[in-house]
C-alpha cells in the first residue's frame, strides 16, 4: 500500500492537486521517552510531481517538515492528465503514487 494519498480535480484549465504523505519525518533531535536516546533522523529529502514526461513540481524538504506532510498546489492542466508523485528520503527509501485528474 502506498504512503501517498493524492487527489487532482480540474475546474476549467486549472487543476488543484492535494497530497498527503505518511512518513515519520524525524529530525534526529527528539529523544525516545523510554530509552532517553536520540531517535535517528528520518525525513523526506525530495518530492517530484510529474504529468506525463513533464515535471510540474520538485520540492527539496528537510528535517523541519512536519510528520505526515501535506502538499497542495495548482497548475494549468485538463481532465484526464495522469499525475505521479514520488518521494525519496535520507535513508534511501522511496515511494510513488499515481492519480488521474477528474
PDB file of N, CA and C in Angstrom:
ATOM      1  N   UNK A   1       0.847  -1.187   0.000  1.00  0.00           N
ATOM      2  CA  UNK A   1       0.000   0.000   0.000  1.00  0.00           C
ATOM      3  C   UNK A   1       0.888   1.245   0.000  1.00  0.00           C
ATOM      4  N   UNK A   2       0.525   2.213  -0.771  1.00  0.00           N
ATOM      5  CA  UNK A   2       1.321   3.428  -0.901  1.00  0.00           C
ATOM      6  C   UNK A   2       1.193   4.327   0.331  1.00  0.00           C
ATOM      7  N   UNK A   3       2.244   5.055   0.599  1.00  0.00           N
ATOM      8  CA  UNK A   3       2.238   6.022   1.700  1.00  0.00           C
ATOM      9  C   UNK A   3       1.652   7.364   1.259  1.00  0.00           C
ATOM     10  N   UNK A   4       1.233   7.445  -0.004  1.00  0.00           N
ATOM     11  CA  UNK A   4       0.763   8.706  -0.576  1.00  0.00           C
ATOM     12  C   UNK A   4      -0.719   8.603  -0.932  1.00  0.00           C
ATOM     13  N   UNK A   5      -1.497   9.583  -0.488  1.00  0.00           N
ATOM     14  CA  UNK A   5      -2.884   9.725  -0.915  1.00  0.00           C
ATOM     15  C   UNK A   5      -2.945  11.018  -1.712  1.00  0.00           C
ATOM     16  N   UNK A   6      -3.421  10.948  -2.951  1.00  0.00           N
ATOM     17  CA  UNK A   6      -3.421  12.125  -3.816  1.00  0.00           C
ATOM     18  C   UNK A   6      -4.752  12.247  -4.545  1.00  0.00           C
ATOM     19  N   UNK A   7      -5.206  13.494  -4.685  1.00  0.00           N
ATOM     20  CA  UNK A   7      -6.401  13.815  -5.460  1.00  0.00           C
ATOM     21  C   UNK A   7      -6.061  14.971  -6.376  1.00  0.00           C
ATOM     22  N   UNK A   8      -6.649  14.958  -7.566  1.00  0.00           N
ATOM     23  CA  UNK A   8      -6.447  16.040  -8.525  1.00  0.00           C
ATOM     24  C   UNK A   8      -7.787  16.348  -9.190  1.00  0.00           C
ATOM     25  N   UNK A   9      -8.232  17.595  -9.054  1.00  0.00           N
ATOM     26  CA  UNK A   9      -9.542  17.992  -9.559  1.00  0.00           C
ATOM     27  C   UNK A   9      -9.393  19.201 -10.481  1.00  0.00           C
ATOM     28  N   UNK A  10     -10.028  19.120 -11.648  1.00  0.00           N
ATOM     29  CA  UNK A  10      -9.958  20.205 -12.635  1.00  0.00           C
ATOM     30  C   UNK A  10     -11.195  21.075 -12.574  1.00  0.00           C
ATOM     31  N   UNK A  11     -10.976  22.374 -12.714  1.00  0.00           N
ATOM     32  CA  UNK A  11     -12.046  23.354 -12.917  1.00  0.00           C
ATOM     33  C   UNK A  11     -11.582  24.233 -14.061  1.00  0.00           C
ATOM     34  N   UNK A  12     -12.156  23.994 -15.238  1.00  0.00           N
ATOM     35  CA  UNK A  12     -11.668  24.682 -16.428  1.00  0.00           C
ATOM     36  C   UNK A  12     -10.279  24.155 -16.755  1.00  0.00           C
ATOM     37  N   UNK A  13      -9.314  25.077 -16.939  1.00  0.00           N
ATOM     38  CA  UNK A  13      -7.944  24.642 -17.233  1.00  0.00           C
ATOM     39  C   UNK A  13      -7.053  24.668 -15.988  1.00  0.00           C
ATOM     40  N   UNK A  14      -7.658  24.866 -14.827  1.00  0.00           N
ATOM     41  CA  UNK A  14      -6.922  24.901 -13.555  1.00  0.00           C
ATOM     42  C   UNK A  14      -7.133  23.578 -12.824  1.00  0.00           C
ATOM     43  N   UNK A  15      -6.035  22.938 -12.424  1.00  0.00           N
ATOM     44  CA  UNK A  15      -6.110  21.669 -11.696  1.00  0.00           C
ATOM     45  C   UNK A  15      -5.568  21.890 -10.292  1.00  0.00           C
ATOM     46  N   UNK A  16      -6.351  21.486  -9.295  1.00  0.00           N
ATOM     47  CA  UNK A  16      -5.924  21.569  -7.911  1.00  0.00           C
ATOM     48  C   UNK A  16      -5.491  20.180  -7.453  1.00  0.00           C
ATOM     49  N   UNK A  17      -4.257  20.094  -6.965  1.00  0.00           N
ATOM     50  CA  UNK A  17      -3.687  18.824  -6.517  1.00  0.00           C
ATOM     51  C   UNK A  17      -3.494  18.881  -5.005  1.00  0.00           C
ATOM     52  N   UNK A  18      -3.919  17.812  -4.332  1.00  0.00           N
ATOM     53  CA  UNK A  18      -3.729  17.688  -2.886  1.00  0.00           C
ATOM     54  C   UNK A  18      -3.123  16.319  -2.620  1.00  0.00           C
ATOM     55  N   UNK A  19      -2.064  16.286  -1.790  1.00  0.00           N
ATOM     56  CA  UNK A  19      -1.411  15.015  -1.474  1.00  0.00           C
ATOM     57  C   UNK A  19      -1.054  14.965   0.000  1.00  0.00           C
ATOM     58  N   UNK A  20      -1.271  13.816   0.599  1.00  0.00           N
ATOM     59  CA  UNK A  20      -0.906  13.573   1.991  1.00  0.00           C
ATOM     60  C   UNK A  20       0.055  12.383   1.996  1.00  0.00           C
ATOM     61  N   UNK A  21       1.216  12.575   2.613  1.00  0.00           N
ATOM     62  CA  UNK A  21       2.240  11.539   2.645  1.00  0.00           C
ATOM     63  C   UNK A  21       2.407  11.054   4.085  1.00  0.00           C
ATOM     64  N   UNK A  22       2.289   9.757   4.288  1.00  0.00           N
ATOM     65  CA  UNK A  22       2.503   9.175   5.610  1.00  0.00           C
ATOM     66  C   UNK A  22       3.997   8.901   5.762  1.00  0.00           C
ATOM     67  N   UNK A  23       4.632   9.639   6.669  1.00  0.00           N
ATOM     68  CA  UNK A  23       6.074   9.497   6.892  1.00  0.00           C
ATOM     69  C   UNK A  23       6.408  10.070   8.265  1.00  0.00           C
ATOM     70  N   UNK A  24       7.325   9.443   9.023  1.00  0.00           N
ATOM     71  CA  UNK A  24       7.617   9.921  10.379  1.00  0.00           C
ATOM     72  C   UNK A  24       8.304  11.281  10.444  1.00  0.00           C
ATOM     73  N   UNK A  25       9.092  11.644   9.454  1.00  0.00           N
ATOM     74  CA  UNK A  25       9.772  12.946   9.397  1.00  0.00           C
ATOM     75  C   UNK A  25      10.487  13.270  10.711  1.00  0.00           C
ATOM     76  N   UNK A  26      11.356  12.376  11.135  1.00  0.00           N
ATOM     77  CA  UNK A  26      12.129  12.572  12.368  1.00  0.00           C
ATOM     78  C   UNK A  26      13.316  13.504  12.118  1.00  0.00           C
ATOM     79  N   UNK A  27      13.531  14.438  13.021  1.00  0.00           N
ATOM     80  CA  UNK A  27      14.603  15.425  12.879  1.00  0.00           C
ATOM     81  C   UNK A  27      15.965  14.893  13.293  1.00  0.00           C
ATOM     82  N   UNK A  28      15.992  13.889  14.137  1.00  0.00           N
ATOM     83  CA  UNK A  28      17.243  13.407  14.703  1.00  0.00           C
ATOM     84  C   UNK A  28      17.570  14.104  16.014  1.00  0.00           C
ATOM     85  N   UNK A  29      16.688  14.997  16.463  1.00  0.00           N
ATOM     86  CA  UNK A  29      16.907  15.753  17.694  1.00  0.00           C
ATOM     87  C   UNK A  29      15.989  15.319  18.839  1.00  0.00           C
ATOM     88  N   UNK A  30      14.963  14.519  18.528  1.00  0.00           N
ATOM     89  CA  UNK A  30      13.998  14.099  19.543  1.00  0.00           C
ATOM     90  C   UNK A  30      14.531  12.888  20.302  1.00  0.00           C
ATOM     91  N   UNK A  31      14.313  12.881  21.607  1.00  0.00           N
ATOM     92  CA  UNK A  31      14.736  11.748  22.430  1.00  0.00           C
ATOM     93  C   UNK A  31      13.579  10.771  22.616  1.00  0.00           C
ATOM     94  N   UNK A  32      13.900   9.497  22.576  1.00  0.00           N
ATOM     95  CA  UNK A  32      12.935   8.449  22.869  1.00  0.00           C
ATOM     96  C   UNK A  32      12.606   8.528  24.362  1.00  0.00           C
ATOM     97  N   UNK A  33      11.321   8.596  24.697  1.00  0.00           N
ATOM     98  CA  UNK A  33      10.902   8.752  26.097  1.00  0.00           C
ATOM     99  C   UNK A  33      11.276   7.551  26.963  1.00  0.00           C
ATOM    100  N   UNK A  34      11.337   6.387  26.353  1.00  0.00           N
ATOM    101  CA  UNK A  34      11.650   5.174  27.117  1.00  0.00           C
ATOM    102  C   UNK A  34      13.144   5.025  27.390  1.00  0.00           C
ATOM    103  N   UNK A  35      13.956   5.193  26.334  1.00  0.00           N
ATOM    104  CA  UNK A  35      15.395   4.942  26.468  1.00  0.00           C
ATOM    105  C   UNK A  35      16.208   6.202  26.737  1.00  0.00           C
ATOM    106  N   UNK A  36      15.666   7.357  26.378  1.00  0.00           N
ATOM    107  CA  UNK A  36      16.408   8.609  26.525  1.00  0.00           C
ATOM    108  C   UNK A  36      17.402   8.845  25.404  1.00  0.00           C
ATOM    109  N   UNK A  37      17.477   7.933  24.443  1.00  0.00           N
ATOM    110  CA  UNK A  37      18.398   8.082  23.323  1.00  0.00           C
ATOM    111  C   UNK A  37      17.736   8.846  22.184  1.00  0.00           C
ATOM    112  N   UNK A  38      18.567   9.508  21.366  1.00  0.00           N
ATOM    113  CA  UNK A  38      18.048  10.252  20.224  1.00  0.00           C
ATOM    114  C   UNK A  38      17.445   9.300  19.197  1.00  0.00           C
ATOM    115  N   UNK A  39      16.299   9.697  18.660  1.00  0.00           N
ATOM    116  CA  UNK A  39      15.675   8.956  17.564  1.00  0.00           C
ATOM    117  C   UNK A  39      16.414   9.383  16.293  1.00  0.00           C
ATOM    118  N   UNK A  40      16.925   8.445  15.504  1.00  0.00           N
ATOM    119  CA  UNK A  40      17.696   8.795  14.307  1.00  0.00           C
ATOM    120  C   UNK A  40      16.883   9.627  13.310  1.00  0.00           C
ATOM    121  N   UNK A  41      17.570  10.525  12.624  1.00  0.00           N
ATOM    122  CA  UNK A  41      16.925  11.350  11.595  1.00  0.00           C
ATOM    123  C   UNK A  41      16.350  10.452  10.502  1.00  0.00           C
ATOM    124  N   UNK A  42      15.130  10.769  10.069  1.00  0.00           N
ATOM    125  CA  UNK A  42      14.449  10.026   9.005  1.00  0.00           C
ATOM    126  C   UNK A  42      13.420  10.964   8.400  1.00  0.00           C
ATOM    127  N   UNK A  43      13.755  11.549   7.255  1.00  0.00           N
ATOM    128  CA  UNK A  43      12.880  12.551   6.653  1.00  0.00           C
ATOM    129  C   UNK A  43      12.960  12.513   5.132  1.00  0.00           C
ATOM    130  N   UNK A  44      11.914  12.999   4.504  1.00  0.00           N
ATOM    131  CA  UNK A  44      11.857  13.083   3.042  1.00  0.00           C
ATOM    132  C   UNK A  44      12.765  14.219   2.592  1.00  0.00           C
ATOM    133  N   UNK A  45      13.585  13.924   1.571  1.00  0.00           N
ATOM    134  CA  UNK A  45      14.502  14.931   1.044  1.00  0.00           C
ATOM    135  C   UNK A  45      14.016  15.523  -0.282  1.00  0.00           C
ATOM    136  N   UNK A  46      13.327  14.722  -1.083  1.00  0.00           N
ATOM    137  CA  UNK A  46      12.924  15.210  -2.403  1.00  0.00           C
ATOM    138  C   UNK A  46      11.543  14.672  -2.771  1.00  0.00           C
ATOM    139  N   UNK A  47      10.710  15.544  -3.305  1.00  0.00           N
ATOM    140  CA  UNK A  47       9.391  15.173  -3.810  1.00  0.00           C
ATOM    141  C   UNK A  47       9.309  15.683  -5.247  1.00  0.00           C
ATOM    142  N   UNK A  48       8.921  14.809  -6.181  1.00  0.00           N
ATOM    143  CA  UNK A  48       8.789  15.193  -7.590  1.00  0.00           C
ATOM    144  C   UNK A  48       7.386  14.825  -8.055  1.00  0.00           C
ATOM    145  N   UNK A  49       6.716  15.790  -8.691  1.00  0.00           N
ATOM    146  CA  UNK A  49       5.386  15.559  -9.256  1.00  0.00           C
ATOM    147  C   UNK A  49       5.501  15.731 -10.765  1.00  0.00           C
ATOM    148  N   UNK A  50       5.027  14.716 -11.509  1.00  0.00           N
ATOM    149  CA  UNK A  50       5.092  14.766 -12.969  1.00  0.00           C
ATOM    150  C   UNK A  50       3.712  14.542 -13.576  1.00  0.00           C
ATOM    151  N   UNK A  51       3.561  15.037 -14.780  1.00  0.00           N
ATOM    152  CA  UNK A  51       2.389  14.782 -15.606  1.00  0.00           C
ATOM    153  C   UNK A  51       2.933  14.337 -16.957  1.00  0.00           C
ATOM    154  N   UNK A  52       2.810  13.051 -17.248  1.00  0.00           N
ATOM    155  CA  UNK A  52       3.455  12.512 -18.449  1.00  0.00           C
ATOM    156  C   UNK A  52       4.967  12.626 -18.272  1.00  0.00           C
ATOM    157  N   UNK A  53       5.631  13.246 -19.243  1.00  0.00           N
ATOM    158  CA  UNK A  53       7.087  13.440 -19.163  1.00  0.00           C
ATOM    159  C   UNK A  53       7.457  14.798 -18.593  1.00  0.00           C
ATOM    160  N   UNK A  54       6.461  15.595 -18.224  1.00  0.00           N
ATOM    161  CA  UNK A  54       6.709  16.960 -17.757  1.00  0.00           C
ATOM    162  C   UNK A  54       6.777  17.017 -16.226  1.00  0.00           C
ATOM    163  N   UNK A  55       7.846  17.596 -15.692  1.00  0.00           N
ATOM    164  CA  UNK A  55       7.961  17.800 -14.250  1.00  0.00           C
ATOM    165  C   UNK A  55       7.178  19.052 -13.879  1.00  0.00           C
ATOM    166  N   UNK A  56       6.202  18.900 -12.982  1.00  0.00           N
ATOM    167  CA  UNK A  56       5.395  20.032 -12.527  1.00  0.00           C
ATOM    168  C   UNK A  56       5.993  20.686 -11.290  1.00  0.00           C
ATOM    169  N   UNK A  57       6.464  19.856 -10.351  1.00  0.00           N
ATOM    170  CA  UNK A  57       6.991  20.362  -9.083  1.00  0.00           C
ATOM    171  C   UNK A  57       8.171  19.495  -8.659  1.00  0.00           C
ATOM    172  N   UNK A  58       9.232  20.146  -8.205  1.00  0.00           N
ATOM    173  CA  UNK A  58      10.310  19.463  -7.497  1.00  0.00           C
ATOM    174  C   UNK A  58      10.497  20.221  -6.189  1.00  0.00           C
ATOM    175  N   UNK A  59      10.340  19.505  -5.077  1.00  0.00           N
ATOM    176  CA  UNK A  59      10.464  20.129  -3.757  1.00  0.00           C
ATOM    177  C   UNK A  59      11.579  19.434  -2.992  1.00  0.00           C
ATOM    178  N   UNK A  60      12.444  20.232  -2.378  1.00  0.00           N
ATOM    179  CA  UNK A  60      13.520  19.702  -1.546  1.00  0.00           C
ATOM    180  C   UNK A  60      13.169  20.003  -0.102  1.00  0.00           C
ATOM    181  N   UNK A  61      12.903  18.947   0.667  1.00  0.00           N
ATOM    182  CA  UNK A  61      12.484  19.089   2.045  1.00  0.00           C
ATOM    183  C   UNK A  61      13.616  18.724   2.983  1.00  0.00           C
ATOM    184  N   UNK A  62      13.444  19.050   4.241  1.00  0.00           N
ATOM    185  CA  UNK A  62      14.426  18.719   5.261  1.00  0.00           C
ATOM    186  C   UNK A  62      13.731  18.253   6.522  1.00  0.00           C
ATOM    187  N   UNK A  63      14.501  18.170   7.577  1.00  0.00           N
ATOM    188  CA  UNK A  63      14.005  17.655   8.848  1.00  0.00           C
ATOM    189  C   UNK A  63      12.959  18.547   9.495  1.00  0.00           C
ATOM    190  N   UNK A  64      12.837  19.783   9.068  1.00  0.00           N
ATOM    191  CA  UNK A  64      11.886  20.700   9.709  1.00  0.00           C
ATOM    192  C   UNK A  64      10.446  20.526   9.218  1.00  0.00           C
ATOM    193  N   UNK A  65      10.220  19.703   8.200  1.00  0.00           N
ATOM    194  CA  UNK A  65       8.864  19.457   7.706  1.00  0.00           C
ATOM    195  C   UNK A  65       8.161  18.499   8.673  1.00  0.00           C
ATOM    196  N   UNK A  66       6.891  18.777   8.966  1.00  0.00           N
ATOM    197  CA  UNK A  66       6.150  18.012   9.976  1.00  0.00           C
ATOM    198  C   UNK A  66       5.880  16.572   9.560  1.00  0.00           C
ATOM    199  N   UNK A  67       5.580  15.753  10.562  1.00  0.00           N
ATOM    200  CA  UNK A  67       5.189  14.362  10.359  1.00  0.00           C
ATOM    201  C   UNK A  67       3.963  14.314   9.449  1.00  0.00           C
ATOM    202  N   UNK A  68       3.908  13.310   8.574  1.00  0.00           N
ATOM    203  CA  UNK A  68       2.796  13.119   7.642  1.00  0.00           C
ATOM    204  C   UNK A  68       2.484  14.403   6.873  1.00  0.00           C
ATOM    205  N   UNK A  69       3.442  14.889   6.076  1.00  0.00           N
ATOM    206  CA  UNK A  69       3.274  16.188   5.403  1.00  0.00           C
ATOM    207  C   UNK A  69       2.162  16.210   4.358  1.00  0.00           C
ATOM    208  N   UNK A  70       1.534  17.371   4.246  1.00  0.00           N
ATOM    209  CA  UNK A  70       0.503  17.656   3.247  1.00  0.00           C
ATOM    210  C   UNK A  70       1.115  18.577   2.203  1.00  0.00           C
ATOM    211  N   UNK A  71       0.806  18.329   0.953  1.00  0.00           N
ATOM    212  CA  UNK A  71       1.308  19.162  -0.147  1.00  0.00           C
ATOM    213  C   UNK A  71       0.132  19.519  -1.040  1.00  0.00           C
ATOM    214  N   UNK A  72      -0.005  20.782  -1.382  1.00  0.00           N
ATOM    215  CA  UNK A  72      -1.074  21.222  -2.269  1.00  0.00           C
ATOM    216  C   UNK A  72      -0.558  22.265  -3.238  1.00  0.00           C
ATOM    217  N   UNK A  73      -1.041  22.215  -4.480  1.00  0.00           N
ATOM    218  CA  UNK A  73      -0.656  23.205  -5.485  1.00  0.00           C
ATOM    219  C   UNK A  73      -1.653  23.157  -6.638  1.00  0.00           C
ATOM    220  N   UNK A  74      -1.615  24.159  -7.485  1.00  0.00           N
ATOM    221  CA  UNK A  74      -2.441  24.186  -8.694  1.00  0.00           C
ATOM    222  C   UNK A  74      -1.526  24.334  -9.904  1.00  0.00           C
ATOM    223  N   UNK A  75      -2.008  23.854 -11.034  1.00  0.00           N
ATOM    224  CA  UNK A  75      -1.281  24.021 -12.293  1.00  0.00           C
ATOM    225  C   UNK A  75      -2.288  24.074 -13.435  1.00  0.00           C
ATOM    226  N   UNK A  76      -1.825  24.487 -14.594  1.00  0.00           N
ATOM    227  CA  UNK A  76      -2.673  24.568 -15.773  1.00  0.00           C
ATOM    228  C   UNK A  76      -2.684  23.193 -16.438  1.00  0.00           C
ATOM    229  N   UNK A  77      -3.855  22.549 -16.421  1.00  0.00           N
ATOM    230  CA  UNK A  77      -3.983  21.205 -16.970  1.00  0.00           C
ATOM    231  C   UNK A  77      -5.423  20.914 -17.335  1.00  0.00           C
ATOM    232  N   UNK A  78      -5.706  19.641 -17.628  1.00  0.00           N
ATOM    233  CA  UNK A  78      -7.044  19.248 -18.071  1.00  0.00           C
ATOM    234  C   UNK A  78      -7.447  17.911 -17.450  1.00  0.00           C
ATOM    235  N   UNK A  79      -8.750  17.629 -17.501  1.00  0.00           N
ATOM    236  CA  UNK A  79      -9.265  16.341 -17.067  1.00  0.00           C
ATOM    237  C   UNK A  79      -8.597  15.251 -17.905  1.00  0.00           C
ATOM    238  N   UNK A  80      -8.191  14.180 -17.254  1.00  0.00           N
ATOM    239  CA  UNK A  80      -7.544  13.081 -17.963  1.00  0.00           C
ATOM    240  C   UNK A  80      -6.032  13.073 -17.818  1.00  0.00           C
ATOM    241  N   UNK A  81      -5.437  14.197 -17.377  1.00  0.00           N
ATOM    242  CA  UNK A  81      -3.998  14.194 -17.116  1.00  0.00           C
ATOM    243  C   UNK A  81      -3.696  13.101 -16.095  1.00  0.00           C
ATOM    244  N   UNK A  82      -2.566  12.439 -16.236  1.00  0.00           N
ATOM    245  CA  UNK A  82      -2.143  11.428 -15.276  1.00  0.00           C
ATOM    246  C   UNK A  82      -0.973  12.009 -14.486  1.00  0.00           C
ATOM    247  N   UNK A  83      -1.157  12.136 -13.166  1.00  0.00           N
ATOM    248  CA  UNK A  83      -0.125  12.692 -12.300  1.00  0.00           C
ATOM    249  C   UNK A  83       0.580  11.584 -11.545  1.00  0.00           C
ATOM    250  N   UNK A  84       1.862  11.801 -11.289  1.00  0.00           N
ATOM    251  CA  UNK A  84       2.643  10.860 -10.482  1.00  0.00           C
ATOM    252  C   UNK A  84       3.449  11.672  -9.479  1.00  0.00           C
ATOM    253  N   UNK A  85       3.414  11.247  -8.226  1.00  0.00           N
ATOM    254  CA  UNK A  85       4.203  11.886  -7.181  1.00  0.00           C
ATOM    255  C   UNK A  85       5.156  10.830  -6.617  1.00  0.00           C
ATOM    256  N   UNK A  86       6.412  11.214  -6.467  1.00  0.00           N
ATOM    257  CA  UNK A  86       7.444  10.309  -5.966  1.00  0.00           C
ATOM    258  C   UNK A  86       8.251  11.028  -4.899  1.00  0.00           C
ATOM    259  N   UNK A  87       8.545  10.335  -3.800  1.00  0.00           N
ATOM    260  CA  UNK A  87       9.420  10.917  -2.790  1.00  0.00           C
ATOM    261  C   UNK A  87      10.591   9.991  -2.519  1.00  0.00           C
ATOM    262  N   UNK A  88      11.696  10.606  -2.046  1.00  0.00           N
ATOM    263  CA  UNK A  88      12.895   9.871  -1.619  1.00  0.00           C
ATOM    264  C   UNK A  88      13.314  10.447  -0.279  1.00  0.00           C
ATOM    265  N   UNK A  89      13.729   9.559   0.653  1.00  0.00           N
ATOM    266  CA  UNK A  89      14.142  10.073   1.957  1.00  0.00           C
ATOM    267  C   UNK A  89      15.632   9.857   2.219  1.00  0.00           C
ATOM    268  N   UNK A  90      16.085  10.327   3.367  1.00  0.00           N
ATOM    269  CA  UNK A  90      17.506  10.278   3.706  1.00  0.00           C
ATOM    270  C   UNK A  90      18.009   8.873   4.026  1.00  0.00           C
ATOM    271  N   UNK A  91      17.116   7.890   4.058  1.00  0.00           N
ATOM    272  CA  UNK A  91      17.525   6.501   4.280  1.00  0.00           C
ATOM    273  C   UNK A  91      17.380   5.680   2.997  1.00  0.00           C
ATOM    274  N   UNK A  92      17.311   6.370   1.855  1.00  0.00           N
ATOM    275  CA  UNK A  92      17.212   5.774   0.529  1.00  0.00           C
ATOM    276  C   UNK A  92      15.886   5.063   0.273  1.00  0.00           C
ATOM    277  N   UNK A  93      14.878   5.280   1.104  1.00  0.00           N
ATOM    278  CA  UNK A  93      13.543   4.738   0.852  1.00  0.00           C
ATOM    279  C   UNK A  93      12.847   5.631  -0.169  1.00  0.00           C
ATOM    280  N   UNK A  94      11.919   5.084  -0.897  1.00  0.00           N
ATOM    281  CA  UNK A  94      11.170   5.840  -1.894  1.00  0.00           C
ATOM    282  C   UNK A  94       9.771   5.263  -2.028  1.00  0.00           C
ATOM    283  N   UNK A  95       8.854   6.078  -2.516  1.00  0.00           N
ATOM    284  CA  UNK A  95       7.503   5.623  -2.786  1.00  0.00           C
ATOM    285  C   UNK A  95       6.924   6.527  -3.866  1.00  0.00           C
ATOM    286  N   UNK A  96       5.906   6.037  -4.544  1.00  0.00           N
ATOM    287  CA  UNK A  96       5.237   6.846  -5.557  1.00  0.00           C
ATOM    288  C   UNK A  96       3.782   6.418  -5.663  1.00  0.00           C
ATOM    289  N   UNK A  97       2.984   7.321  -6.213  1.00  0.00           N
ATOM    290  CA  UNK A  97       1.567   7.047  -6.441  1.00  0.00           C
ATOM    291  C   UNK A  97       1.115   7.823  -7.676  1.00  0.00           C
ATOM    292  N   UNK A  98       0.087   7.330  -8.313  1.00  0.00           N
ATOM    293  CA  UNK A  98      -0.461   7.994  -9.497  1.00  0.00           C
ATOM    294  C   UNK A  98      -1.934   8.308  -9.273  1.00  0.00           C
ATOM    295  N   UNK A  99      -2.388   9.360  -9.957  1.00  0.00           N
ATOM    296  CA  UNK A  99      -3.802   9.733  -9.916  1.00  0.00           C
ATOM    297  C   UNK A  99      -4.181  10.382 -11.247  1.00  0.00           C
ATOM    298  N   UNK A 100      -5.414  10.166 -11.650  1.00  0.00           N
ATOM    299  CA  UNK A 100      -5.950  10.828 -12.833  1.00  0.00           C
ATOM    300  C   UNK A 100      -6.665  12.094 -12.422  1.00  0.00           C
ATOM    301  N   UNK A 101      -6.542  13.137 -13.224  1.00  0.00           N
ATOM    302  CA  UNK A 101      -7.270  14.371 -12.976  1.00  0.00           C
ATOM    303  C   UNK A 101      -8.724  14.153 -13.342  1.00  0.00           C
ATOM    304  N   UNK A 102      -9.623  14.470 -12.402  1.00  0.00           N
ATOM    305  CA  UNK A 102     -11.065  14.313 -12.642  1.00  0.00           C
ATOM    306  C   UNK A 102     -11.743  15.662 -12.692  1.00  0.00           C
TER     307      UNK A 102
END
